[in-house]
Structure formats: C-alpha cells, structure tokens
C-alpha atoms as a PDB file:
ATOM      1  CA  MET A   1       0.099   0.163  -0.134  1.00  0.00           C
ATOM      2  CA  ILE A   2       1.591   3.354  -0.716  1.00  0.00           C
ATOM      3  CA  GLN A   3       0.763   5.996   1.733  1.00  0.00           C
ATOM      4  CA  LEU A   4       0.370   9.456   0.407  1.00  0.00           C
ATOM      5  CA  GLY A   5      -0.014  13.146   1.357  1.00  0.00           C
ATOM      6  CA  LEU A   6      -1.802  15.909  -0.431  1.00  0.00           C
ATOM      7  CA  VAL A   7      -1.576  19.393   0.265  1.00  0.00           C
ATOM      8  CA  ASP A   8      -3.516  21.993  -1.638  1.00  0.00           C
ATOM      9  CA  ASP A   9      -5.256  25.647  -0.520  1.00  0.00           C
ATOM     10  CA  ASN A  10      -7.749  24.767  -3.344  1.00  0.00           C
ATOM     11  CA  SER A  11     -10.237  22.764  -1.008  1.00  0.00           C
ATOM     12  CA  GLN A  12     -12.201  21.297  -4.324  1.00  0.00           C
ATOM     13  CA  LEU A  13      -9.437  20.530  -6.218  1.00  0.00           C
ATOM     14  CA  LEU A  14      -8.279  18.567  -2.882  1.00  0.00           C
ATOM     15  CA  GLU A  15     -11.354  16.728  -2.374  1.00  0.00           C
ATOM     16  CA  LEU A  16     -11.356  15.379  -5.716  1.00  0.00           C
ATOM     17  CA  LEU A  17      -7.705  14.526  -5.891  1.00  0.00           C
ATOM     18  CA  SER A  18      -8.569  12.667  -2.772  1.00  0.00           C
ATOM     19  CA  PHE A  19     -11.481  10.854  -4.366  1.00  0.00           C
ATOM     20  CA  ASP A  20     -10.011   9.340  -7.698  1.00  0.00           C
ATOM     21  CA  LEU A  21      -6.427   8.965  -5.780  1.00  0.00           C
ATOM     22  CA  SER A  22      -8.401   6.660  -3.333  1.00  0.00           C
ATOM     23  CA  LYS A  23     -10.317   4.759  -5.734  1.00  0.00           C
ATOM     24  CA  VAL A  24      -6.787   3.261  -6.342  1.00  0.00           C
ATOM     25  CA  GLU A  25      -6.393   0.088  -4.808  1.00  0.00           C
ATOM     26  CA  GLU A  26      -2.779   0.745  -3.703  1.00  0.00           C
ATOM     27  CA  PHE A  27      -2.902   4.232  -2.903  1.00  0.00           C
ATOM     28  CA  ASN A  28      -4.399   5.083   0.774  1.00  0.00           C
ATOM     29  CA  ILE A  29      -4.948   8.801   1.769  1.00  0.00           C
ATOM     30  CA  VAL A  30      -3.272   9.477   5.166  1.00  0.00           C
ATOM     31  CA  LEU A  31      -2.697  13.378   5.136  1.00  0.00           C
ATOM     32  CA  LYS A  32      -4.790  16.367   3.528  1.00  0.00           C
ATOM     33  CA  ALA A  33      -3.681  19.730   4.122  1.00  0.00           C
ATOM     34  CA  ALA A  34      -4.974  23.305   2.917  1.00  0.00           C
ATOM     35  CA  ASN A  35      -1.341  25.065   3.122  1.00  0.00           C
ATOM     36  CA  GLY A  36       2.551  24.292   4.311  1.00  0.00           C
ATOM     37  CA  GLU A  37       1.503  25.179   7.950  1.00  0.00           C
ATOM     38  CA  ASP A  38      -1.076  22.848   8.201  1.00  0.00           C
ATOM     39  CA  PHE A  39       0.844  20.241   6.440  1.00  0.00           C
ATOM     40  CA  LEU A  40       3.514  20.564   8.865  1.00  0.00           C
ATOM     41  CA  ARG A  41       1.455  21.001  12.273  1.00  0.00           C
ATOM     42  CA  LYS A  42      -0.733  17.580  10.749  1.00  0.00           C
ATOM     43  CA  VAL A  43       2.050  15.363   9.723  1.00  0.00           C
ATOM     44  CA  ARG A  44       3.954  15.521  13.193  1.00  0.00           C
ATOM     45  CA  SER A  45       1.164  13.671  14.929  1.00  0.00           C
ATOM     46  CA  LEU A  46       0.483  11.166  11.491  1.00  0.00           C
ATOM     47  CA  ASP A  47       0.607   7.496  12.967  1.00  0.00           C
ATOM     48  CA  VAL A  48       1.403   6.181   9.138  1.00  0.00           C
ATOM     49  CA  VAL A  49       4.616   7.970   7.658  1.00  0.00           C
ATOM     50  CA  PRO A  50       3.494   9.302   3.940  1.00  0.00           C
ATOM     51  CA  ASP A  51       5.510   7.344   1.285  1.00  0.00           C
ATOM     52  CA  ILE A  52       4.727  10.477  -0.841  1.00  0.00           C
ATOM     53  CA  ILE A  53       3.732  14.033  -0.765  1.00  0.00           C
ATOM     54  CA  LEU A  54       1.818  15.606  -3.633  1.00  0.00           C
ATOM     55  CA  MET A  55       2.564  19.796  -2.942  1.00  0.00           C
ATOM     56  CA  ASP A  56       0.912  22.386  -4.419  1.00  0.00           C
ATOM     57  CA  VAL A  57       3.249  25.173  -4.990  1.00  0.00           C
ATOM     58  CA  ASP A  58       1.396  28.629  -4.693  1.00  0.00           C
ATOM     59  CA  MET A  59      -0.707  28.707  -0.977  1.00  0.00           C
ATOM     60  CA  PRO A  60      -0.884  30.954   1.756  1.00  0.00           C
ATOM     61  CA  ARG A  61       0.767  31.139   5.127  1.00  0.00           C
ATOM     62  CA  MET A  62       3.685  28.608   3.785  1.00  0.00           C
ATOM     63  CA  ASN A  63       4.165  28.194   0.220  1.00  0.00           C
ATOM     64  CA  GLY A  64       4.811  24.394  -1.130  1.00  0.00           C
ATOM     65  CA  ILE A  65       8.878  25.513  -1.671  1.00  0.00           C
ATOM     66  CA  GLU A  66       9.414  26.126   1.994  1.00  0.00           C
ATOM     67  CA  ALA A  67       7.048  23.448   3.118  1.00  0.00           C
ATOM     68  CA  VAL A  68       9.174  21.000   1.214  1.00  0.00           C
ATOM     69  CA  GLY A  69      12.302  22.028   3.002  1.00  0.00           C
ATOM     70  CA  GLU A  70      10.866  22.043   6.386  1.00  0.00           C
ATOM     71  CA  GLY A  71       9.081  18.854   5.435  1.00  0.00           C
ATOM     72  CA  LYS A  72      11.884  16.535   4.621  1.00  0.00           C
ATOM     73  CA  LYS A  73      13.832  17.577   8.197  1.00  0.00           C
ATOM     74  CA  LEU A  74      10.437  15.493   9.366  1.00  0.00           C
ATOM     75  CA  LEU A  75      10.434  12.898   6.401  1.00  0.00           C
ATOM     76  CA  PRO A  76      13.567  12.037   5.437  1.00  0.00           C
ATOM     77  CA  ASN A  77      12.443   9.316   3.577  1.00  0.00           C
ATOM     78  CA  THR A  78       9.211  10.659   1.911  1.00  0.00           C
ATOM     79  CA  TYR A  79       9.138  11.455  -1.826  1.00  0.00           C
ATOM     80  CA  PHE A  80       7.948  15.532  -1.962  1.00  0.00           C
ATOM     81  CA  ILE A  81       6.496  15.728  -5.491  1.00  0.00           C
ATOM     82  CA  MET A  82       5.301  19.436  -6.475  1.00  0.00           C
ATOM     83  CA  PHE A  83       1.722  19.282  -7.835  1.00  0.00           C
ATOM     84  CA  SER A  84       1.377  22.965  -9.718  1.00  0.00           C
ATOM     85  CA  VAL A  85      -0.019  24.728 -12.323  1.00  0.00           C
ATOM     86  CA  MET A  86       3.230  27.237 -12.350  1.00  0.00           C
ATOM     87  CA  ASP A  87       5.785  26.030 -14.888  1.00  0.00           C
ATOM     88  CA  GLU A  88       8.128  28.273 -15.144  1.00  0.00           C
ATOM     89  CA  GLU A  89      11.806  27.120 -14.929  1.00  0.00           C
ATOM     90  CA  GLU A  90      12.688  29.381 -11.715  1.00  0.00           C
ATOM     91  CA  THR A  91       9.986  27.994 -10.112  1.00  0.00           C
ATOM     92  CA  LEU A  92      11.300  24.595 -10.999  1.00  0.00           C
ATOM     93  CA  PHE A  93      14.515  25.401  -9.793  1.00  0.00           C
ATOM     94  CA  LYS A  94      13.368  26.672  -6.154  1.00  0.00           C
ATOM     95  CA  ALA A  95      11.745  23.560  -6.159  1.00  0.00           C
ATOM     96  CA  VAL A  96      14.237  20.986  -7.012  1.00  0.00           C
ATOM     97  CA  ARG A  97      16.863  23.335  -4.611  1.00  0.00           C
ATOM     98  CA  ALA A  98      14.708  22.991  -1.924  1.00  0.00           C
ATOM     99  CA  GLY A  99      14.332  19.155  -1.997  1.00  0.00           C
ATOM    100  CA  ALA A 100      11.844  18.542  -4.453  1.00  0.00           C
ATOM    101  CA  HIS A 101      11.703  14.730  -5.884  1.00  0.00           C
ATOM    102  CA  GLY A 102       9.701  15.631  -8.837  1.00  0.00           C
ATOM    103  CA  TYR A 103       7.382  17.984 -10.324  1.00  0.00           C
ATOM    104  CA  ILE A 104       4.310  17.078 -12.229  1.00  0.00           C
ATOM    105  CA  LEU A 105       1.446  19.891 -13.619  1.00  0.00           C
ATOM    106  CA  LYS A 106      -2.273  19.683 -12.368  1.00  0.00           C
ATOM    107  CA  GLU A 107      -3.143  19.560 -16.070  1.00  0.00           C
ATOM    108  CA  ASP A 108      -2.190  16.316 -16.388  1.00  0.00           C
ATOM    109  CA  PRO A 109      -4.593  13.672 -17.414  1.00  0.00           C
ATOM    110  CA  ILE A 110      -5.499  11.666 -13.983  1.00  0.00           C
ATOM    111  CA  ASP A 111      -4.203   8.369 -15.092  1.00  0.00           C
ATOM    112  CA  ARG A 112      -0.873   9.676 -15.647  1.00  0.00           C
ATOM    113  CA  ILE A 113      -0.390  11.080 -12.507  1.00  0.00           C
ATOM    114  CA  ILE A 114      -1.660   8.063 -10.930  1.00  0.00           C
ATOM    115  CA  THR A 115       1.114   5.973 -12.900  1.00  0.00           C
ATOM    116  CA  ARG A 116       3.994   7.958 -12.326  1.00  0.00           C
ATOM    117  CA  LEU A 117       3.247   7.481  -8.785  1.00  0.00           C
ATOM    118  CA  LYS A 118       3.316   3.988  -8.881  1.00  0.00           C
ATOM    119  CA  ASP A 119       6.314   4.185 -10.568  1.00  0.00           C
ATOM    120  CA  VAL A 120       8.032   6.336  -7.722  1.00  0.00           C
ATOM    121  CA  MET A 121       7.816   3.565  -5.115  1.00  0.00           C
ATOM    122  CA  GLU A 122       8.355   0.695  -8.259  1.00  0.00           C
ATOM    123  CA  PHE A 123      11.385   2.307  -9.787  1.00  0.00           C
ATOM    124  CA  GLY A 124      12.036   5.343  -7.997  1.00  0.00           C
ATOM    125  CA  THR A 125      11.421   7.271 -10.737  1.00  0.00           C
ATOM    126  CA  VAL A 126      11.585  11.216 -11.106  1.00  0.00           C
ATOM    127  CA  PRO A 127       7.746  11.951 -11.807  1.00  0.00           C
ATOM    128  CA  PHE A 128       7.946  14.961 -14.120  1.00  0.00           C
ATOM    129  CA  SER A 129       5.380  16.399 -16.717  1.00  0.00           C
ATOM    130  CA  PRO A 130       6.315  16.155 -20.183  1.00  0.00           C
ATOM    131  CA  ALA A 131       6.487  20.196 -19.649  1.00  0.00           C
ATOM    132  CA  MET A 132       8.843  20.033 -17.150  1.00  0.00           C
ATOM    133  CA  ALA A 133      11.261  17.405 -18.183  1.00  0.00           C
ATOM    134  CA  THR A 134      13.786  19.376 -20.175  1.00  0.00           C
ATOM    135  CA  LYS A 135      13.656  21.941 -17.999  1.00  0.00           C
ATOM    136  CA  ALA A 136      14.766  19.833 -15.181  1.00  0.00           C
ATOM    137  CA  LEU A 137      17.512  18.348 -16.971  1.00  0.00           C
ATOM    138  CA  ASN A 138      18.751  22.181 -17.634  1.00  0.00           C
ATOM    139  CA  LEU A 139      19.230  21.895 -14.036  1.00  0.00           C
ATOM    140  CA  VAL A 140      21.196  19.177 -13.543  1.00  0.00           C
ATOM    141  CA  LYS A 141      23.569  18.574 -16.918  1.00  0.00           C
ATOM    142  CA  TRP A 142      26.142  20.640 -15.424  1.00  0.00           C
ATOM    143  CA  SER A 143      26.626  18.994 -12.380  1.00  0.00           C
ATOM    144  CA  VAL A 144      26.713  15.382 -13.661  1.00  0.00           C
ATOM    145  CA  PRO A 145      28.950  13.019 -11.263  1.00  0.00           C
ATOM    146  CA  PRO A 146      32.132  11.104 -12.984  1.00  0.00           C
ATOM    147  CA  VAL A 147      30.905   7.731 -14.893  1.00  0.00           C
ATOM    148  CA  ASN A 148      32.596   4.499 -13.815  1.00  0.00           C
ATOM    149  CA  GLU A 149      33.994   3.402 -16.691  1.00  0.00           C
ATOM    150  CA  GLU A 150      33.366  -0.376 -15.928  1.00  0.00           C
ATOM    151  CA  GLU A 151      29.522   0.337 -17.065  1.00  0.00           C
ATOM    152  CA  GLN A 152      28.364  -1.835 -19.661  1.00  0.00           C
ATOM    153  CA  ILE A 153      26.960  -0.304 -22.260  1.00  0.00           C
ATOM    154  CA  LEU A 154      23.055   0.018 -22.937  1.00  0.00           C
ATOM    155  CA  THR A 155      21.936  -1.518 -26.419  1.00  0.00           C
ATOM    156  CA  ASP A 156      20.313   0.561 -28.539  1.00  0.00           C
ATOM    157  CA  ARG A 157      16.729  -0.362 -27.496  1.00  0.00           C
ATOM    158  CA  GLU A 158      17.723   0.775 -24.027  1.00  0.00           C
ATOM    159  CA  LYS A 159      19.010   4.026 -25.189  1.00  0.00           C
ATOM    160  CA  GLU A 160      15.850   4.402 -26.706  1.00  0.00           C
ATOM    161  CA  ILE A 161      13.843   3.720 -23.800  1.00  0.00           C
ATOM    162  CA  LEU A 162      16.135   6.279 -21.716  1.00  0.00           C
ATOM    163  CA  GLN A 163      15.628   9.246 -23.945  1.00  0.00           C
ATOM    164  CA  LEU A 164      12.025   8.817 -23.594  1.00  0.00           C
ATOM    165  CA  LEU A 165      11.882   8.736 -19.924  1.00  0.00           C
ATOM    166  CA  SER A 166      14.225  11.888 -19.999  1.00  0.00           C
ATOM    167  CA  ASP A 167      11.149  13.362 -22.000  1.00  0.00           C
ATOM    168  CA  GLY A 168       9.156  12.798 -19.157  1.00  0.00           C
ATOM    169  CA  LYS A 169       7.490   9.155 -20.643  1.00  0.00           C
ATOM    170  CA  ASN A 170       6.223   6.573 -18.102  1.00  0.00           C
ATOM    171  CA  SER A 171       6.633   3.193 -18.601  1.00  0.00           C
ATOM    172  CA  ASN A 172       2.699   2.854 -20.301  1.00  0.00           C
ATOM    173  CA  GLU A 173       3.601   5.407 -22.496  1.00  0.00           C
ATOM    174  CA  ILE A 174       6.642   4.109 -24.097  1.00  0.00           C
ATOM    175  CA  ALA A 175       5.230   0.562 -24.470  1.00  0.00           C
ATOM    176  CA  ASP A 176       2.476   2.397 -26.342  1.00  0.00           C
ATOM    177  CA  GLU A 177       5.296   4.628 -28.556  1.00  0.00           C
ATOM    178  CA  LEU A 178       7.245   1.251 -28.882  1.00  0.00           C
ATOM    179  CA  PHE A 179       4.774  -1.059 -29.715  1.00  0.00           C
ATOM    180  CA  LEU A 180       6.009  -2.924 -26.825  1.00  0.00           C
ATOM    181  CA  SER A 181       4.367  -4.730 -23.692  1.00  0.00           C
ATOM    182  CA  PHE A 182       4.493  -3.237 -20.149  1.00  0.00           C
ATOM    183  CA  HIS A 183       6.014  -5.967 -18.651  1.00  0.00           C
ATOM    184  CA  THR A 184       8.929  -5.487 -21.560  1.00  0.00           C
ATOM    185  CA  VAL A 185       9.116  -1.930 -21.024  1.00  0.00           C
ATOM    186  CA  ARG A 186      10.099  -3.031 -17.150  1.00  0.00           C
ATOM    187  CA  LYS A 187      12.562  -5.381 -18.113  1.00  0.00           C
ATOM    188  CA  HIS A 188      14.445  -3.170 -20.033  1.00  0.00           C
ATOM    189  CA  ILE A 189      14.580   0.010 -17.154  1.00  0.00           C
ATOM    190  CA  ARG A 190      15.648  -2.629 -14.641  1.00  0.00           C
ATOM    191  CA  ASN A 191      18.564  -3.403 -17.328  1.00  0.00           C
ATOM    192  CA  ILE A 192      19.362   0.181 -18.149  1.00  0.00           C
ATOM    193  CA  TYR A 193      19.696   0.724 -14.186  1.00  0.00           C
ATOM    194  CA  ASP A 194      21.646  -2.237 -13.139  1.00  0.00           C
ATOM    195  CA  LYS A 195      23.685  -1.808 -15.887  1.00  0.00           C
ATOM    196  CA  LEU A 196      24.415   1.822 -15.271  1.00  0.00           C
ATOM    197  CA  GLN A 197      24.851   1.135 -11.254  1.00  0.00           C
ATOM    198  CA  VAL A 198      22.020   3.506 -10.415  1.00  0.00           C
ATOM    199  CA  SER A 199      18.768   2.753  -8.268  1.00  0.00           C
ATOM    200  CA  THR A 200      16.630   6.073 -10.256  1.00  0.00           C
ATOM    201  CA  GLN A 201      15.752   7.339 -13.052  1.00  0.00           C
ATOM    202  CA  ALA A 202      17.117  10.626 -12.371  1.00  0.00           C
ATOM    203  CA  GLU A 203      20.583   9.008 -11.862  1.00  0.00           C
ATOM    204  CA  ALA A 204      20.223   6.965 -15.303  1.00  0.00           C
ATOM    205  CA  VAL A 205      19.108  10.425 -16.989  1.00  0.00           C
ATOM    206  CA  LYS A 206      22.051  11.884 -15.859  1.00  0.00           C
ATOM    207  CA  LYS A 207      24.565   9.312 -17.022  1.00  0.00           C
ATOM    208  CA  GLY A 208      22.831   9.030 -20.268  1.00  0.00           C
ATOM    209  CA  PHE A 209      23.872  12.935 -20.670  1.00  0.00           C
ATOM    210  CA  LEU A 210      27.416  12.350 -19.827  1.00  0.00           C
ATOM    211  CA  LYS A 211      27.769   9.699 -22.374  1.00  0.00           C
ATOM    212  CA  ARG A 212      25.892  11.853 -24.979  1.00  0.00           C
ATOM    213  CA  TRP A 213      23.390   9.330 -25.637  1.00  0.00           C
ATOM    214  CA  LEU A 214      20.363  11.544 -24.775  1.00  0.00           C
ATOM    215  CA  GLY A 215      19.158  14.144 -27.347  1.00  0.00           C
ATOM    216  CA  PHE A 216      17.692  17.235 -26.385  1.00  0.00           C
END
C-alpha cells in the first residue's frame, strides 16, 4: 500500500484529487492539508509515515517550496512531488533546490498522475510532466557525477527507452510508443539501472547525458 499526503489550498481540487486517488487499490490517503503550515502541523501527529507527498506550490501562510524544505527534516525518507499549475523554470529550480523529487503539472491526466506515483515507489523514478522534463534536465546537466568506466554499454533499445524517460514518458506511454508490452519496458528499465549502476531514473538520465546518449 502506498501512503499518500496531499497539500493544496484549493479545497475543491484537494477533495477531487483525494477522491480520484482513493479509488486506486494501491493508494491510501493518510494526510490532507490546506497549506504548508497546516501540513507541518498535521504531519507531526501522523501514525503512518507518507511515502509520497503531492505538494502545491502557491499557497498562503507557507508556500509549497518552503514546506518541502521543512518537511524533509521531519520526513527524510518521503518523496516530495510538486503538484502545480506553475511551469516556470525558476519555480522548478527553487523546488528542486529545496529538495523536491519531482514536478507534476495539474493539467496532466489523472491516469498519468497515478502511473507516475506508482513508478516512484516501484522504480524510484523521478516524476516530471513532459513540459517540465527538459527544464529539469537543464538544471542538472552541468552537475553530472563521474561515470564508472566499468559500466556496461546500453543496447540501442535501452538507449531509446532512456531517451523517452528523459522526455517525461512513463512506462505505459513508452510501451505504446514502441509497440512493446508493459512488462518488456519494465525489464528494459531494470536492465538500464543495473548496467548504469543506479537506482533512480534521475541518476540514469544524468549518466545518459554525460555519455551523450541523449538528445534534447
């Protein structure tokens, strides 16, 4: 069961999102908050630690970026995903600098949001809406760690899938685009992680960029 926390000052959107996510068998909503201050107050009394927090950016009292910075001190093992209508690169930069693990736009279809949240827990993938993926890569491309020369070379198919991951595609979308089964795509992703000696999508994309396998 994936434990979720939702933080948004739009009460109607908060309840609608909670309703949609609650219908997913793997999800359990353990926290709902109206702003950053409300989130920090409620999280201190939780009996269940959230696996993922979906955090709005623009909120009164304490905005989402500030709340992520404070929230990570209380929940160091929780994934903090920004959930916003704001798509400016500056906002993304501030969120990532504060410790956000991903950035999903509210305009994304609910089924895509659900898949991305599942992928976070299964693969440690960093969820970015396609519109934010390139902007996110611009933030990390000059801070790529050295690559172990013993890492294995990816196959053409694995490079193709890594490129699609860097474009913000999830496993289902990659399967549809490449006419592969969902399970085949998952196997390729595991192979990519093993060969690159990484455990998350962000690390894989960084190494793919360093090796000049990815085109933007």
